[in-house]
Protein backbone atom coordinates (compact mmCIF):
# COMPACT_ATOMS: atom_id res chain seq x y z
CA MET A 1 -47.10 -18.15 -51.96
CA GLU A 2 -47.52 -21.56 -53.60
CA ASN A 3 -43.99 -22.53 -52.58
CA ASN A 4 -44.69 -21.52 -48.97
CA ASN A 5 -47.86 -23.60 -48.94
CA GLN A 6 -45.94 -26.59 -50.27
CA ILE A 7 -43.32 -26.23 -47.55
CA GLN A 8 -46.00 -25.98 -44.85
CA ILE A 9 -47.66 -29.15 -46.11
CA ILE A 10 -44.33 -30.97 -45.91
CA GLU A 11 -43.62 -29.59 -42.43
CA ASN A 12 -46.77 -31.30 -41.19
CA LYS A 13 -45.27 -34.62 -42.32
CA ILE A 14 -42.07 -34.21 -40.30
CA PHE A 15 -41.85 -35.90 -36.91
CA THR A 16 -39.29 -36.35 -34.16
CA VAL A 17 -37.98 -39.87 -33.54
CA ARG A 18 -34.83 -40.75 -31.56
CA GLY A 19 -34.08 -37.05 -31.29
CA GLN A 20 -34.06 -36.62 -35.07
CA LEU A 21 -36.45 -34.84 -37.40
CA VAL A 22 -37.62 -37.49 -39.84
CA MET A 23 -40.24 -38.22 -42.47
CA LEU A 24 -42.13 -41.49 -42.91
CA ASP A 25 -41.36 -43.59 -45.96
CA GLU A 26 -44.95 -43.46 -47.23
CA ASP A 27 -45.06 -39.65 -46.94
CA LEU A 28 -41.72 -39.27 -48.74
CA ALA A 29 -42.81 -41.72 -51.43
CA SER A 30 -46.05 -39.79 -51.92
CA ILE A 31 -44.18 -36.50 -52.32
CA TYR A 32 -41.77 -38.10 -54.79
CA GLU A 33 -44.72 -39.75 -56.58
CA VAL A 34 -43.44 -43.32 -56.26
CA LYS A 35 -44.73 -46.36 -54.41
CA THR A 36 -43.47 -46.87 -50.87
CA LEU A 37 -42.24 -50.33 -51.86
CA ARG A 38 -40.09 -48.90 -54.63
CA LEU A 39 -38.60 -46.27 -52.33
CA ASN A 40 -37.63 -48.85 -49.73
CA GLU A 41 -36.25 -51.17 -52.40
CA GLN A 42 -33.91 -48.41 -53.54
CA VAL A 43 -32.75 -47.96 -49.95
CA LYS A 44 -31.94 -51.66 -49.65
CA ARG A 45 -30.09 -51.62 -52.97
CA ASN A 46 -27.94 -48.66 -51.89
CA PRO A 47 -27.06 -49.35 -48.23
CA LYS A 48 -23.90 -47.22 -48.33
CA ARG A 49 -26.00 -44.17 -49.21
CA PHE A 50 -28.30 -44.70 -46.23
CA PRO A 51 -26.45 -45.07 -42.91
CA LEU A 52 -28.64 -45.24 -39.80
CA ARG A 53 -28.40 -41.50 -39.26
CA TYR A 54 -30.05 -41.05 -42.69
CA CYS A 55 -32.63 -43.84 -42.63
CA PHE A 56 -33.79 -46.43 -40.09
CA GLN A 57 -36.75 -48.70 -39.44
CA LEU A 58 -39.04 -47.87 -36.53
CA THR A 59 -39.52 -50.32 -33.72
CA LYS A 60 -43.05 -51.44 -32.86
CA ASP A 61 -43.07 -49.21 -29.76
CA GLU A 62 -41.83 -46.20 -31.74
CA TRP A 63 -44.48 -46.69 -34.41
CA GLU A 64 -47.28 -47.05 -31.86
CA SER A 65 -46.03 -44.03 -29.94
CA LEU A 66 -45.83 -41.93 -33.10
CA ARG A 67 -49.34 -42.90 -34.14
CA SER A 68 -50.73 -42.23 -30.67
CA GLN A 69 -49.23 -38.72 -30.70
CA ASN A 70 -50.63 -37.79 -34.09
CA ALA A 71 -54.35 -37.87 -34.83
CA ILE A 72 -53.88 -38.36 -38.59
CA LEU A 73 -51.62 -41.37 -38.13
CA LYS A 74 -53.80 -42.76 -35.36
CA ASN A 75 -57.11 -42.56 -37.17
CA LYS A 76 -56.34 -42.96 -40.86
CA ARG A 77 -52.98 -44.53 -41.58
CA GLY A 78 -50.66 -47.34 -40.65
CA LYS A 79 -53.26 -49.82 -39.44
CA HIS A 80 -52.71 -52.36 -42.19
CA ARG A 81 -48.99 -52.09 -42.86
CA LYS A 82 -47.30 -55.45 -43.27
CA TYR A 83 -43.92 -54.09 -42.19
CA LEU A 84 -42.84 -51.42 -39.76
CA PRO A 85 -42.13 -48.16 -41.60
CA PHE A 86 -38.76 -46.67 -42.36
CA VAL A 87 -38.09 -43.01 -41.65
CA PHE A 88 -35.73 -40.60 -43.40
CA SER A 89 -33.76 -37.71 -42.00
CA GLU A 90 -33.16 -34.54 -43.99
CA HIS A 91 -30.10 -36.05 -45.65
CA GLY A 92 -31.89 -39.35 -46.14
CA CYS A 93 -34.64 -37.59 -48.07
CA LEU A 94 -32.02 -35.98 -50.30
CA GLN A 95 -30.27 -39.30 -50.89
CA ALA A 96 -33.60 -40.86 -51.77
CA SER A 97 -34.17 -38.25 -54.47
CA ASN A 98 -30.71 -39.06 -55.87
CA VAL A 99 -31.29 -42.81 -56.13
CA LEU A 100 -34.80 -42.41 -57.55
CA LYS A 101 -33.42 -40.24 -60.35
CA SER A 102 -36.73 -38.64 -61.29
CA ASP A 103 -37.53 -35.04 -62.16
CA VAL A 104 -40.29 -34.94 -59.55
CA ALA A 105 -37.98 -36.19 -56.78
CA THR A 106 -35.30 -33.67 -57.75
CA GLU A 107 -37.81 -30.81 -57.74
CA MET A 108 -39.55 -31.78 -54.51
CA SER A 109 -36.34 -32.47 -52.60
CA VAL A 110 -35.71 -28.72 -52.55
CA PHE A 111 -39.02 -28.11 -50.76
CA ILE A 112 -38.29 -30.94 -48.32
CA ILE A 113 -34.94 -29.48 -47.35
CA ASP A 114 -36.57 -26.06 -46.84
CA ALA A 115 -39.21 -27.67 -44.62
CA PHE A 116 -36.58 -29.39 -42.46
CA VAL A 117 -34.69 -26.12 -42.08
CA ALA A 118 -37.89 -24.32 -41.04
CA MET A 119 -38.64 -26.99 -38.45
CA LYS A 120 -35.12 -26.79 -37.01
CA ASN A 121 -35.37 -23.02 -36.74
CA GLN A 122 -38.64 -23.37 -34.88
CA ILE A 123 -37.18 -25.87 -32.42
CA PHE A 124 -33.92 -24.04 -31.75
CA SER A 125 -35.74 -20.75 -31.18
CA ASN A 126 -37.96 -22.29 -28.50
CA PRO A 127 -36.94 -21.12 -24.98
CA ASN A 128 -37.33 -24.69 -23.66
CA TYR A 129 -34.81 -26.13 -26.11
CA GLU A 130 -31.81 -25.73 -23.80
CA LEU A 131 -33.74 -27.27 -20.91
CA LEU A 132 -34.53 -30.37 -22.96
CA ARG A 133 -30.94 -30.58 -24.17
CA GLU A 134 -29.66 -30.53 -20.58
CA GLN A 135 -32.11 -33.27 -19.62
CA ILE A 136 -30.97 -35.45 -22.52
CA LEU A 137 -27.28 -34.97 -21.70
CA ARG A 138 -27.91 -35.81 -18.04
CA LEU A 139 -29.80 -38.97 -18.94
CA GLN A 140 -27.06 -40.05 -21.34
CA SER A 141 -24.47 -39.57 -18.60
CA ASP A 142 -26.52 -41.52 -16.07
CA THR A 143 -27.16 -44.31 -18.57
CA LYS A 144 -23.44 -44.68 -19.34
CA LEU A 145 -22.67 -44.83 -15.62
CA ILE A 146 -25.27 -47.53 -14.99
CA ASN A 147 -24.08 -49.58 -17.96
CA ALA A 148 -20.47 -49.30 -16.77
CA GLU A 149 -21.44 -50.49 -13.29
CA MET A 150 -23.36 -53.46 -14.70
CA LEU A 151 -20.44 -54.44 -16.94
CA ALA A 152 -18.10 -54.26 -13.96
CA LEU A 153 -20.35 -56.56 -11.97
CA LYS A 154 -20.49 -59.09 -14.80
CA LYS A 155 -16.71 -58.94 -15.31
CA ASP A 156 -16.08 -59.71 -11.62
CA HIS A 157 -18.65 -62.54 -11.74
CA LYS A 158 -20.38 -60.97 -8.78
CA ILE A 159 -23.59 -60.02 -10.50
CA ASP A 160 -26.65 -60.23 -8.32
CA LEU A 161 -30.10 -60.38 -9.90
CA ASN A 162 -31.54 -58.08 -7.26
CA VAL A 163 -28.82 -55.52 -7.89
CA GLN A 164 -29.30 -55.83 -11.64
CA ASN A 165 -33.04 -55.33 -11.30
CA MET A 166 -32.47 -52.27 -9.13
CA GLU A 167 -30.14 -50.83 -11.75
CA ILE A 168 -32.67 -51.51 -14.51
CA ASN A 169 -35.47 -49.92 -12.49
CA ASP A 170 -33.27 -46.89 -11.86
CA LEU A 171 -32.60 -46.57 -15.57
CA ASN A 172 -36.30 -46.91 -16.38
CA GLU A 173 -37.13 -44.15 -13.93
CA LYS A 174 -34.61 -41.87 -15.59
CA VAL A 175 -36.02 -42.66 -19.02
CA THR A 176 -39.53 -41.90 -17.74
CA GLU A 177 -38.24 -38.63 -16.31
CA LEU A 178 -36.77 -37.62 -19.64
CA LEU A 179 -39.93 -38.56 -21.53
CA THR A 180 -41.95 -36.42 -19.14
CA GLU A 181 -39.67 -33.45 -19.82
CA PHE A 182 -39.76 -34.15 -23.53
CA ASN A 183 -43.56 -34.22 -23.56
CA LYS A 184 -43.65 -30.87 -21.76
CA PHE A 185 -41.29 -29.46 -24.36
CA ARG A 186 -43.26 -31.01 -27.21
CA ASP A 187 -46.52 -29.55 -25.93
CA SER A 188 -45.04 -26.06 -25.62
CA SER A 189 -43.14 -25.99 -28.92
CA ILE A 190 -45.27 -28.44 -30.89
CA ILE A 191 -42.06 -30.18 -31.93
CA ILE A 192 -43.96 -33.15 -33.36
CA LYS A 193 -46.16 -31.00 -35.57
CA LYS A 194 -45.60 -27.45 -36.71
CA ASP A 195 -47.75 -24.73 -35.19
CA ASP A 196 -50.12 -23.74 -38.02
CA GLY A 197 -50.04 -20.15 -36.82
CA ILE A 198 -46.31 -19.76 -37.31
CA GLY A 199 -45.34 -18.16 -40.59
CA GLU A 200 -48.79 -16.72 -41.26
CA GLY A 201 -49.66 -13.09 -41.51
């Protein structure tokens, strides 16, 4: 029972950014019982262990969006950070435990991996998952097409600012459309934060 409680606590610290399940550096550092500064220093000292798919720094917009979506982050944390936070994927969390080389990190990394697995199972089992996936694939295809058209215009030296602005507006509309679909999916599956009722009973 204690192990299950630990996993549930960790699940509530897992968020979705750039289509990945990730954990904030300060949350991971707290679980591993080290300072956030030390954790991030180890990342910088071992860049080959932390490719972008394992660890990346949030943009200002991503950080503000994440905080606005989560009451705990919005009301209690992140207001006085000097630097934008880094986030760690499942494999990034595991690599962090390896470079920290502490008994606590080694022990807690097992619970973190279990929490990521539980979150993935919850997402993939949601009936809206395939709908969101289709929306993402369609947006990616449209984005590639728009980018190709803009590159062709530049290459032929026939670029027109009005045309470029129209293309950009079209792309922005498609991004807005995807975000709308994503928010519907998030609200129904609680992808950003685990449903506290799941796993009980």
